[in-house]
Amino acid sequence: MKELIMIMMSVILVDNFVLSQFLGICPFLGVSKKLDSATGMGIAVTFVMVLATAVTWPIQILLLEKNNIGYLQTVVFILVIAALVQLVEMILKKYVPSLHKSLGVYLPLITTNCAVLGVTIMNIDDGLSYIQSVCNALGAGVGFLLAMVLFAGMRQKMETCDVPAAFKGVPMVLIGASILSMAFMGFSGVVEGIFG
């Protein structure tokens, strides 16, 4: 249990997929203008990450590796993730239409979100067990959600700031993202210090 908590805390704070590994930058920059959209995207990505890991890990171990066709990993994982994103999109469209509308084009882009594919492949490459992989995916999703919510709050504050004309728009967004990333670097060693 301690190991699973350490895996989750590590991937949430220290090895955050967005802020330290720079995976999933497109939705991080694109959907973080409003807090509700950022939260919805973070929850949707978390759900897809956990579900994708729960489905792709057995496929890799029981199908691809047993039949010596591990080279098909990326193609198979992308197809599984695409199917899961379609499922999430249909559920949101039916039960939460306002969130579906606010996410717009970014919802289908979860399919190409490299953070989702990255977590499924890294779980296999790191030799994690099934439970460890699911916990890692949950932690990665929560870390993604945390980064999205924090950055959405930062962006809302930045809109009210008086910045030089050269920094308005995208430059200020990138500077804010880099500052948030540096803030998360402060967590290095904390997880190992507490659980190690």
C-alpha atoms as a PDB file:
ATOM      1  CA  MET A   1       0.000   0.000   0.000  1.00  0.00           C
ATOM      2  CA  LYS A   2       2.837   2.374   0.878  1.00  0.00           C
ATOM      3  CA  GLU A   3       4.430   1.683  -2.506  1.00  0.00           C
ATOM      4  CA  LEU A   4       1.182   2.490  -4.359  1.00  0.00           C
ATOM      5  CA  ILE A   5       0.798   5.777  -2.482  1.00  0.00           C
ATOM      6  CA  MET A   6       4.415   6.628  -3.282  1.00  0.00           C
ATOM      7  CA  ILE A   7       3.846   5.882  -6.980  1.00  0.00           C
ATOM      8  CA  MET A   8       0.771   8.119  -7.043  1.00  0.00           C
ATOM      9  CA  MET A   9       2.309  11.003  -5.097  1.00  0.00           C
ATOM     10  CA  SER A  10       5.441  10.843  -7.208  1.00  0.00           C
ATOM     11  CA  VAL A  11       3.574  11.083 -10.502  1.00  0.00           C
ATOM     12  CA  ILE A  12       1.223  13.788  -9.171  1.00  0.00           C
ATOM     13  CA  LEU A  13       3.868  16.107  -7.774  1.00  0.00           C
ATOM     14  CA  VAL A  14       7.398  15.198  -8.840  1.00  0.00           C
ATOM     15  CA  ASP A  15       7.061  13.490 -12.220  1.00  0.00           C
ATOM     16  CA  ASN A  16       3.948  15.365 -13.337  1.00  0.00           C
ATOM     17  CA  PHE A  17       3.320  14.439 -16.972  1.00  0.00           C
ATOM     18  CA  VAL A  18       2.571  18.009 -18.021  1.00  0.00           C
ATOM     19  CA  LEU A  19       4.962  20.026 -15.901  1.00  0.00           C
ATOM     20  CA  SER A  20       8.056  17.831 -15.785  1.00  0.00           C
ATOM     21  CA  GLN A  21       7.701  15.467 -18.742  1.00  0.00           C
ATOM     22  CA  PHE A  22       5.902  17.950 -21.038  1.00  0.00           C
ATOM     23  CA  LEU A  23       3.333  15.424 -22.237  1.00  0.00           C
ATOM     24  CA  GLY A  24      -0.170  16.732 -22.895  1.00  0.00           C
ATOM     25  CA  ILE A  25       0.864  20.331 -23.486  1.00  0.00           C
ATOM     26  CA  CYS A  26      -1.767  20.964 -26.200  1.00  0.00           C
ATOM     27  CA  PRO A  27      -4.842  20.642 -23.945  1.00  0.00           C
ATOM     28  CA  PHE A  28      -2.885  22.175 -21.065  1.00  0.00           C
ATOM     29  CA  LEU A  29      -2.404  25.392 -23.053  1.00  0.00           C
ATOM     30  CA  GLY A  30      -5.614  25.211 -25.073  1.00  0.00           C
ATOM     31  CA  VAL A  31      -8.303  24.360 -22.516  1.00  0.00           C
ATOM     32  CA  SER A  32      -6.938  26.206 -19.486  1.00  0.00           C
ATOM     33  CA  LYS A  33      -8.615  29.548 -20.249  1.00  0.00           C
ATOM     34  CA  LYS A  34     -11.616  28.788 -18.020  1.00  0.00           C
ATOM     35  CA  LEU A  35     -11.610  26.875 -14.757  1.00  0.00           C
ATOM     36  CA  ASP A  36     -14.691  24.771 -15.533  1.00  0.00           C
ATOM     37  CA  SER A  37     -13.346  23.665 -18.915  1.00  0.00           C
ATOM     38  CA  ALA A  38      -9.941  22.883 -17.403  1.00  0.00           C
ATOM     39  CA  THR A  39     -11.552  20.833 -14.637  1.00  0.00           C
ATOM     40  CA  GLY A  40     -13.762  18.946 -17.080  1.00  0.00           C
ATOM     41  CA  MET A  41     -10.825  18.196 -19.372  1.00  0.00           C
ATOM     42  CA  GLY A  42      -8.706  17.061 -16.430  1.00  0.00           C
ATOM     43  CA  ILE A  43     -11.410  14.700 -15.207  1.00  0.00           C
ATOM     44  CA  ALA A  44     -12.008  13.331 -18.714  1.00  0.00           C
ATOM     45  CA  VAL A  45      -8.258  12.759 -19.263  1.00  0.00           C
ATOM     46  CA  THR A  46      -7.953  11.092 -15.843  1.00  0.00           C
ATOM     47  CA  PHE A  47     -10.853   8.778 -16.647  1.00  0.00           C
ATOM     48  CA  VAL A  48      -9.404   7.891 -20.051  1.00  0.00           C
ATOM     49  CA  MET A  49      -5.888   7.354 -18.592  1.00  0.00           C
ATOM     50  CA  VAL A  50      -7.126   4.924 -15.952  1.00  0.00           C
ATOM     51  CA  LEU A  51      -9.439   3.109 -18.341  1.00  0.00           C
ATOM     52  CA  ALA A  52      -6.782   2.953 -21.071  1.00  0.00           C
ATOM     53  CA  THR A  53      -4.227   1.529 -18.645  1.00  0.00           C
ATOM     54  CA  ALA A  54      -6.735  -1.001 -17.307  1.00  0.00           C
ATOM     55  CA  VAL A  55      -7.387  -2.199 -20.869  1.00  0.00           C
ATOM     56  CA  THR A  56      -3.956  -1.894 -22.526  1.00  0.00           C
ATOM     57  CA  TRP A  57      -1.855  -3.562 -19.798  1.00  0.00           C
ATOM     58  CA  PRO A  58      -3.600  -6.956 -20.185  1.00  0.00           C
ATOM     59  CA  ILE A  59      -3.557  -6.591 -23.969  1.00  0.00           C
ATOM     60  CA  GLN A  60       0.207  -6.030 -23.887  1.00  0.00           C
ATOM     61  CA  ILE A  61       0.984  -8.846 -21.447  1.00  0.00           C
ATOM     62  CA  LEU A  62      -1.592 -11.458 -22.480  1.00  0.00           C
ATOM     63  CA  LEU A  63      -1.838 -10.834 -26.214  1.00  0.00           C
ATOM     64  CA  LEU A  64       1.057  -8.902 -27.704  1.00  0.00           C
ATOM     65  CA  GLU A  65       3.938 -10.326 -25.663  1.00  0.00           C
ATOM     66  CA  LYS A  66       2.629 -13.907 -25.665  1.00  0.00           C
ATOM     67  CA  ASN A  67       2.364 -13.864 -29.452  1.00  0.00           C
ATOM     68  CA  ASN A  68       5.672 -12.016 -29.979  1.00  0.00           C
ATOM     69  CA  ILE A  69       3.953  -9.069 -31.645  1.00  0.00           C
ATOM     70  CA  GLY A  70       5.003  -6.401 -29.145  1.00  0.00           C
ATOM     71  CA  TYR A  71       6.003  -4.174 -32.050  1.00  0.00           C
ATOM     72  CA  LEU A  72       2.285  -3.488 -32.588  1.00  0.00           C
ATOM     73  CA  GLN A  73       2.034  -1.872 -29.144  1.00  0.00           C
ATOM     74  CA  THR A  74       1.719   1.738 -30.298  1.00  0.00           C
ATOM     75  CA  VAL A  75      -0.862   0.987 -32.994  1.00  0.00           C
ATOM     76  CA  VAL A  76      -2.990  -1.185 -30.704  1.00  0.00           C
ATOM     77  CA  PHE A  77      -2.789   1.284 -27.829  1.00  0.00           C
ATOM     78  CA  ILE A  78      -3.830   4.201 -30.063  1.00  0.00           C
ATOM     79  CA  LEU A  79      -6.823   2.217 -31.334  1.00  0.00           C
ATOM     80  CA  VAL A  80      -7.877   1.314 -27.776  1.00  0.00           C
ATOM     81  CA  ILE A  81      -7.481   4.920 -26.604  1.00  0.00           C
ATOM     82  CA  ALA A  82      -9.464   6.202 -29.601  1.00  0.00           C
ATOM     83  CA  ALA A  83     -12.314   3.812 -28.796  1.00  0.00           C
ATOM     84  CA  LEU A  84     -12.304   4.845 -25.133  1.00  0.00           C
ATOM     85  CA  VAL A  85     -12.349   8.547 -26.028  1.00  0.00           C
ATOM     86  CA  GLN A  86     -15.344   7.957 -28.283  1.00  0.00           C
ATOM     87  CA  LEU A  87     -17.064   6.242 -25.367  1.00  0.00           C
ATOM     88  CA  VAL A  88     -16.322   9.188 -23.047  1.00  0.00           C
ATOM     89  CA  GLU A  89     -17.508  11.635 -25.705  1.00  0.00           C
ATOM     90  CA  MET A  90     -20.816   9.806 -26.124  1.00  0.00           C
ATOM     91  CA  ILE A  91     -21.358   9.687 -22.351  1.00  0.00           C
ATOM     92  CA  LEU A  92     -20.600  13.400 -21.938  1.00  0.00           C
ATOM     93  CA  LYS A  93     -22.802  14.329 -24.890  1.00  0.00           C
ATOM     94  CA  LYS A  94     -25.716  12.420 -23.411  1.00  0.00           C
ATOM     95  CA  TYR A  95     -25.365  13.181 -19.693  1.00  0.00           C
ATOM     96  CA  VAL A  96     -23.317  16.431 -19.440  1.00  0.00           C
ATOM     97  CA  PRO A  97     -24.001  18.360 -22.654  1.00  0.00           C
ATOM     98  CA  SER A  98     -22.742  21.682 -21.257  1.00  0.00           C
ATOM     99  CA  LEU A  99     -19.310  20.181 -20.526  1.00  0.00           C
ATOM    100  CA  HIS A 100     -19.317  18.439 -23.912  1.00  0.00           C
ATOM    101  CA  LYS A 101     -19.977  21.776 -25.603  1.00  0.00           C
ATOM    102  CA  SER A 102     -17.370  23.677 -23.550  1.00  0.00           C
ATOM    103  CA  LEU A 103     -14.655  21.117 -24.315  1.00  0.00           C
ATOM    104  CA  GLY A 104     -15.495  21.333 -28.005  1.00  0.00           C
ATOM    105  CA  VAL A 105     -12.752  20.127 -30.315  1.00  0.00           C
ATOM    106  CA  TYR A 106     -10.427  19.338 -27.413  1.00  0.00           C
ATOM    107  CA  LEU A 107     -12.419  16.282 -26.346  1.00  0.00           C
ATOM    108  CA  PRO A 108     -11.671  14.259 -29.497  1.00  0.00           C
ATOM    109  CA  LEU A 109      -8.074  15.460 -29.184  1.00  0.00           C
ATOM    110  CA  ILE A 110      -7.691  13.322 -26.039  1.00  0.00           C
ATOM    111  CA  THR A 111      -7.165  10.529 -28.567  1.00  0.00           C
ATOM    112  CA  THR A 112      -3.946  12.196 -29.687  1.00  0.00           C
ATOM    113  CA  ASN A 113      -2.998  13.408 -26.202  1.00  0.00           C
ATOM    114  CA  CYS A 114       0.482  12.053 -25.795  1.00  0.00           C
ATOM    115  CA  ALA A 115       0.054  11.965 -22.000  1.00  0.00           C
ATOM    116  CA  VAL A 116      -2.572   9.223 -22.313  1.00  0.00           C
ATOM    117  CA  LEU A 117      -0.465   7.155 -24.694  1.00  0.00           C
ATOM    118  CA  GLY A 118       2.650   7.986 -22.690  1.00  0.00           C
ATOM    119  CA  VAL A 119       1.282   6.684 -19.399  1.00  0.00           C
ATOM    120  CA  THR A 120       0.145   3.401 -20.960  1.00  0.00           C
ATOM    121  CA  ILE A 121       3.511   2.764 -22.630  1.00  0.00           C
ATOM    122  CA  MET A 122       5.590   3.937 -19.643  1.00  0.00           C
ATOM    123  CA  ASN A 123       3.702   1.561 -17.351  1.00  0.00           C
ATOM    124  CA  ILE A 124       4.808  -1.347 -19.535  1.00  0.00           C
ATOM    125  CA  ASP A 125       8.351  -0.031 -20.038  1.00  0.00           C
ATOM    126  CA  ASP A 126       8.828   0.532 -16.285  1.00  0.00           C
ATOM    127  CA  GLY A 127       7.757  -3.063 -15.568  1.00  0.00           C
ATOM    128  CA  LEU A 128       4.878  -2.059 -13.293  1.00  0.00           C
ATOM    129  CA  SER A 129       2.327  -4.653 -12.221  1.00  0.00           C
ATOM    130  CA  TYR A 130      -1.332  -4.261 -13.135  1.00  0.00           C
ATOM    131  CA  ILE A 131      -2.279  -2.595  -9.834  1.00  0.00           C
ATOM    132  CA  GLN A 132       0.820  -0.385  -9.914  1.00  0.00           C
ATOM    133  CA  SER A 133      -0.001   0.614 -13.499  1.00  0.00           C
ATOM    134  CA  VAL A 134      -3.568   1.588 -12.636  1.00  0.00           C
ATOM    135  CA  CYS A 135      -2.359   3.584  -9.600  1.00  0.00           C
ATOM    136  CA  ASN A 136       0.287   5.257 -11.768  1.00  0.00           C
ATOM    137  CA  ALA A 137      -2.363   6.153 -14.352  1.00  0.00           C
ATOM    138  CA  LEU A 138      -4.682   7.509 -11.662  1.00  0.00           C
ATOM    139  CA  GLY A 139      -1.833   9.579 -10.220  1.00  0.00           C
ATOM    140  CA  ALA A 140      -0.878  10.835 -13.686  1.00  0.00           C
ATOM    141  CA  GLY A 141      -4.482  11.843 -14.311  1.00  0.00           C
ATOM    142  CA  VAL A 142      -4.778  13.601 -10.959  1.00  0.00           C
ATOM    143  CA  GLY A 143      -1.474  15.357 -11.678  1.00  0.00           C
ATOM    144  CA  PHE A 144      -2.813  16.433 -15.069  1.00  0.00           C
ATOM    145  CA  LEU A 145      -6.018  17.674 -13.414  1.00  0.00           C
ATOM    146  CA  LEU A 146      -4.041  19.539 -10.744  1.00  0.00           C
ATOM    147  CA  ALA A 147      -1.836  21.204 -13.355  1.00  0.00           C
ATOM    148  CA  MET A 148      -4.883  22.170 -15.447  1.00  0.00           C
ATOM    149  CA  VAL A 149      -6.777  23.668 -12.496  1.00  0.00           C
ATOM    150  CA  LEU A 150      -3.771  25.566 -11.141  1.00  0.00           C
ATOM    151  CA  PHE A 151      -2.891  26.916 -14.565  1.00  0.00           C
ATOM    152  CA  ALA A 152      -6.492  27.928 -15.273  1.00  0.00           C
ATOM    153  CA  GLY A 153      -6.456  29.906 -12.033  1.00  0.00           C
ATOM    154  CA  MET A 154      -3.159  31.507 -13.014  1.00  0.00           C
ATOM    155  CA  ARG A 155      -4.500  32.438 -16.439  1.00  0.00           C
ATOM    156  CA  GLN A 156      -7.592  34.052 -14.965  1.00  0.00           C
ATOM    157  CA  LYS A 157      -5.358  36.136 -12.701  1.00  0.00           C
ATOM    158  CA  MET A 158      -3.015  36.993 -15.588  1.00  0.00           C
ATOM    159  CA  GLU A 159      -5.927  38.443 -17.578  1.00  0.00           C
ATOM    160  CA  THR A 160      -6.373  41.147 -14.959  1.00  0.00           C
ATOM    161  CA  CYS A 161      -2.668  42.019 -14.806  1.00  0.00           C
ATOM    162  CA  ASP A 162      -1.167  44.934 -16.656  1.00  0.00           C
ATOM    163  CA  VAL A 163       1.634  43.424 -18.748  1.00  0.00           C
ATOM    164  CA  PRO A 164       3.768  45.011 -21.465  1.00  0.00           C
ATOM    165  CA  ALA A 165       2.328  44.699 -24.962  1.00  0.00           C
ATOM    166  CA  ALA A 166       5.135  42.367 -26.065  1.00  0.00           C
ATOM    167  CA  PHE A 167       4.125  39.817 -23.416  1.00  0.00           C
ATOM    168  CA  LYS A 168       0.349  39.845 -23.973  1.00  0.00           C
ATOM    169  CA  GLY A 169      -1.252  36.654 -25.211  1.00  0.00           C
ATOM    170  CA  VAL A 170       0.820  33.548 -25.881  1.00  0.00           C
ATOM    171  CA  PRO A 171       4.135  34.828 -24.444  1.00  0.00           C
ATOM    172  CA  MET A 172       2.511  35.488 -21.067  1.00  0.00           C
ATOM    173  CA  VAL A 173       0.818  32.072 -21.135  1.00  0.00           C
ATOM    174  CA  LEU A 174       4.149  30.341 -21.792  1.00  0.00           C
ATOM    175  CA  ILE A 175       5.884  32.336 -19.062  1.00  0.00           C
ATOM    176  CA  GLY A 176       3.108  31.390 -16.632  1.00  0.00           C
ATOM    177  CA  ALA A 177       3.416  27.716 -17.596  1.00  0.00           C
ATOM    178  CA  SER A 178       7.170  27.803 -17.039  1.00  0.00           C
ATOM    179  CA  ILE A 179       6.747  29.406 -13.614  1.00  0.00           C
ATOM    180  CA  LEU A 180       4.211  26.735 -12.628  1.00  0.00           C
ATOM    181  CA  SER A 181       6.602  24.049 -13.870  1.00  0.00           C
ATOM    182  CA  MET A 182       9.430  25.501 -11.783  1.00  0.00           C
ATOM    183  CA  ALA A 183       7.151  25.593  -8.744  1.00  0.00           C
ATOM    184  CA  PHE A 184       6.536  21.848  -9.092  1.00  0.00           C
ATOM    185  CA  MET A 185      10.289  21.255  -9.228  1.00  0.00           C
ATOM    186  CA  GLY A 186      10.253  22.211  -5.547  1.00  0.00           C
ATOM    187  CA  PHE A 187       8.560  18.877  -4.790  1.00  0.00           C
ATOM    188  CA  SER A 188      11.662  16.927  -5.883  1.00  0.00           C
ATOM    189  CA  GLY A 189      12.851  14.838  -2.969  1.00  0.00           C
ATOM    190  CA  VAL A 190       9.696  15.425  -0.896  1.00  0.00           C
ATOM    191  CA  VAL A 191       8.030  12.142  -1.847  1.00  0.00           C
ATOM    192  CA  GLU A 192      11.210  10.153  -1.311  1.00  0.00           C
ATOM    193  CA  GLY A 193      11.777  11.971   1.988  1.00  0.00           C
ATOM    194  CA  ILE A 194       8.318  11.119   3.277  1.00  0.00           C
ATOM    195  CA  PHE A 195       7.944   7.572   1.959  1.00  0.00           C
ATOM    196  CA  GLY A 196      11.596   6.584   1.452  1.00  0.00           C
END
